[in-house]
């Protein structure tokens, strides 16, 4: 029988110091150095994700991290003031902030990238959505 003791996700970055600054100072996540693994970030809700050094890193072409918020517009404004920039993608109608507000697509969402070019989604989820995720 397999006896898993914990699970966590991880992704690569070419510069741990830049990643630590972005995830800690711009996104406001709890980030700590965990040698030799790299960085450990505690997400809202307690899950941990790691970032590890990979000198020949290639940015992911998909979302590596989703952050749910109660007020997307206020969050986008706050993160913009901290240095986040918002991505624009063909095929999505986005407002001046980069927010997609199409109920047929899903929740309101905006995308930013970390210094390594990895894609992070910030989305507004309702209480019912959050409760479903916790199950």
Protein backbone atom coordinates (compact mmCIF):
# COMPACT_ATOMS: atom_id res chain seq x y z
CA UNK A 1 0.00 0.00 0.00
CA UNK A 2 1.28 3.46 -0.85
CA UNK A 3 1.51 5.74 2.18
CA UNK A 4 1.68 9.34 0.94
CA UNK A 5 2.63 11.73 3.73
CA UNK A 6 2.09 15.00 1.85
CA UNK A 7 1.62 16.38 -1.63
CA UNK A 8 2.77 19.65 -3.11
CA UNK A 9 3.28 21.22 -6.48
CA UNK A 10 6.40 22.86 -7.84
CA UNK A 11 7.64 24.82 -10.80
CA UNK A 12 10.95 26.06 -12.16
CA UNK A 13 12.43 29.55 -12.23
CA UNK A 14 15.88 30.70 -13.39
CA UNK A 15 16.36 33.19 -10.52
CA UNK A 16 15.25 32.30 -6.99
CA UNK A 17 15.90 35.81 -5.63
CA UNK A 18 13.65 37.40 -8.28
CA UNK A 19 10.98 34.75 -7.62
CA UNK A 20 11.17 35.32 -3.86
CA UNK A 21 10.72 39.08 -4.33
CA UNK A 22 7.80 38.68 -6.75
CA UNK A 23 5.86 36.04 -4.85
CA UNK A 24 6.56 37.63 -1.46
CA UNK A 25 6.52 41.37 -2.14
CA UNK A 26 4.28 41.72 -5.21
CA UNK A 27 1.79 38.89 -4.64
CA UNK A 28 2.09 39.02 -0.84
CA UNK A 29 2.45 35.27 -0.29
CA UNK A 30 4.40 33.78 2.60
CA UNK A 31 7.71 32.72 1.03
CA UNK A 32 10.63 31.03 2.75
CA UNK A 33 13.90 29.60 1.53
CA UNK A 34 14.05 25.81 1.82
CA UNK A 35 17.51 24.65 0.70
CA UNK A 36 18.21 22.57 -1.27
CA UNK A 37 14.67 22.59 -2.75
CA UNK A 38 14.54 26.34 -3.36
CA UNK A 39 11.54 28.34 -2.17
CA UNK A 40 8.42 27.19 -0.36
CA UNK A 41 5.33 29.36 -0.71
CA UNK A 42 2.28 28.96 1.47
CA UNK A 43 -0.90 29.66 -0.45
CA UNK A 44 -4.14 30.93 1.04
CA UNK A 45 -5.78 27.87 2.57
CA UNK A 46 -2.44 26.35 3.63
CA UNK A 47 -1.26 24.46 0.55
CA UNK A 48 2.45 24.70 -0.23
CA UNK A 49 4.02 25.11 -3.65
CA UNK A 50 7.75 25.16 -4.33
CA UNK A 51 9.90 27.03 -6.82
CA UNK A 52 13.24 25.49 -7.73
CA UNK A 53 16.24 26.82 -9.62
CA UNK A 54 16.55 25.70 -13.24
CA UNK A 55 19.12 27.65 -15.19
CA UNK A 56 17.73 26.65 -18.62
CA UNK A 57 14.13 27.35 -17.55
CA UNK A 58 11.51 27.86 -20.23
CA UNK A 59 8.31 29.64 -19.10
CA UNK A 60 5.20 27.52 -18.89
CA UNK A 61 2.67 28.21 -21.65
CA UNK A 62 -0.18 27.47 -19.27
CA UNK A 63 -1.32 28.77 -15.88
CA UNK A 64 0.89 27.38 -13.09
CA UNK A 65 -0.91 29.03 -10.17
CA UNK A 66 -4.48 30.19 -9.55
CA UNK A 67 -5.25 32.70 -6.81
CA UNK A 68 -8.89 33.26 -5.85
CA UNK A 69 -9.89 36.67 -4.49
CA UNK A 70 -13.09 38.28 -3.23
CA UNK A 71 -12.67 41.53 -5.23
CA UNK A 72 -10.77 41.11 -8.50
CA UNK A 73 -10.76 44.79 -9.51
CA UNK A 74 -9.34 45.95 -6.18
CA UNK A 75 -6.78 43.13 -6.26
CA UNK A 76 -5.65 43.95 -9.80
CA UNK A 77 -5.28 47.62 -8.81
CA UNK A 78 -3.27 46.72 -5.67
CA UNK A 79 -1.02 44.23 -7.44
CA UNK A 80 -0.48 46.71 -10.29
CA UNK A 81 0.69 49.28 -7.74
CA UNK A 82 3.16 46.65 -6.45
CA UNK A 83 4.55 46.03 -9.94
CA UNK A 84 2.40 43.29 -11.48
CA UNK A 85 1.63 43.65 -15.17
CA UNK A 86 -1.39 42.04 -16.79
CA UNK A 87 -1.34 39.85 -19.85
CA UNK A 88 -3.61 40.16 -22.85
CA UNK A 89 -4.55 37.11 -24.87
CA UNK A 90 -6.16 36.79 -28.30
CA UNK A 91 -9.70 35.46 -28.17
CA UNK A 92 -10.61 37.10 -24.85
CA UNK A 93 -12.42 40.38 -24.44
CA UNK A 94 -10.49 42.14 -21.67
CA UNK A 95 -11.12 45.53 -20.08
CA UNK A 96 -8.50 48.25 -19.56
CA UNK A 97 -7.11 46.36 -16.54
CA UNK A 98 -6.85 43.07 -18.45
CA UNK A 99 -9.86 41.48 -16.75
CA UNK A 100 -12.08 39.00 -18.61
CA UNK A 101 -15.73 39.33 -17.55
CA UNK A 102 -17.48 36.77 -19.75
CA UNK A 103 -19.92 34.55 -17.82
CA UNK A 104 -19.73 31.96 -20.62
CA UNK A 105 -15.96 31.69 -20.06
CA UNK A 106 -16.14 31.31 -16.30
CA UNK A 107 -15.21 33.49 -13.34
CA UNK A 108 -13.83 36.98 -13.80
CA UNK A 109 -10.11 36.50 -14.33
CA UNK A 110 -6.86 38.31 -15.12
CA UNK A 111 -3.40 36.89 -15.77
CA UNK A 112 0.02 38.12 -14.77
CA UNK A 113 3.46 36.53 -15.08
CA UNK A 114 6.27 36.07 -12.62
CA UNK A 115 9.80 37.30 -13.49
CA UNK A 116 10.46 33.92 -15.16
CA UNK A 117 7.44 34.30 -17.46
CA UNK A 118 5.29 31.68 -15.68
CA UNK A 119 1.57 32.49 -15.87
CA UNK A 120 -0.48 33.21 -12.73
CA UNK A 121 -4.26 33.64 -12.80
CA UNK A 122 -6.08 35.86 -10.33
CA UNK A 123 -9.81 35.23 -10.34
CA UNK A 124 -12.90 36.25 -8.45
CA UNK A 125 -14.78 33.28 -7.07
CA UNK A 126 -18.08 33.36 -5.23
CA UNK A 127 -18.63 31.68 -1.87
CA UNK A 128 -20.25 28.63 -3.52
CA UNK A 129 -17.22 28.22 -5.79
CA UNK A 130 -14.83 28.45 -2.84
CA UNK A 131 -16.80 25.88 -0.86
CA UNK A 132 -16.73 23.45 -3.81
CA UNK A 133 -12.95 23.80 -4.02
CA UNK A 134 -12.58 22.99 -0.31
CA UNK A 135 -14.41 19.66 -0.69
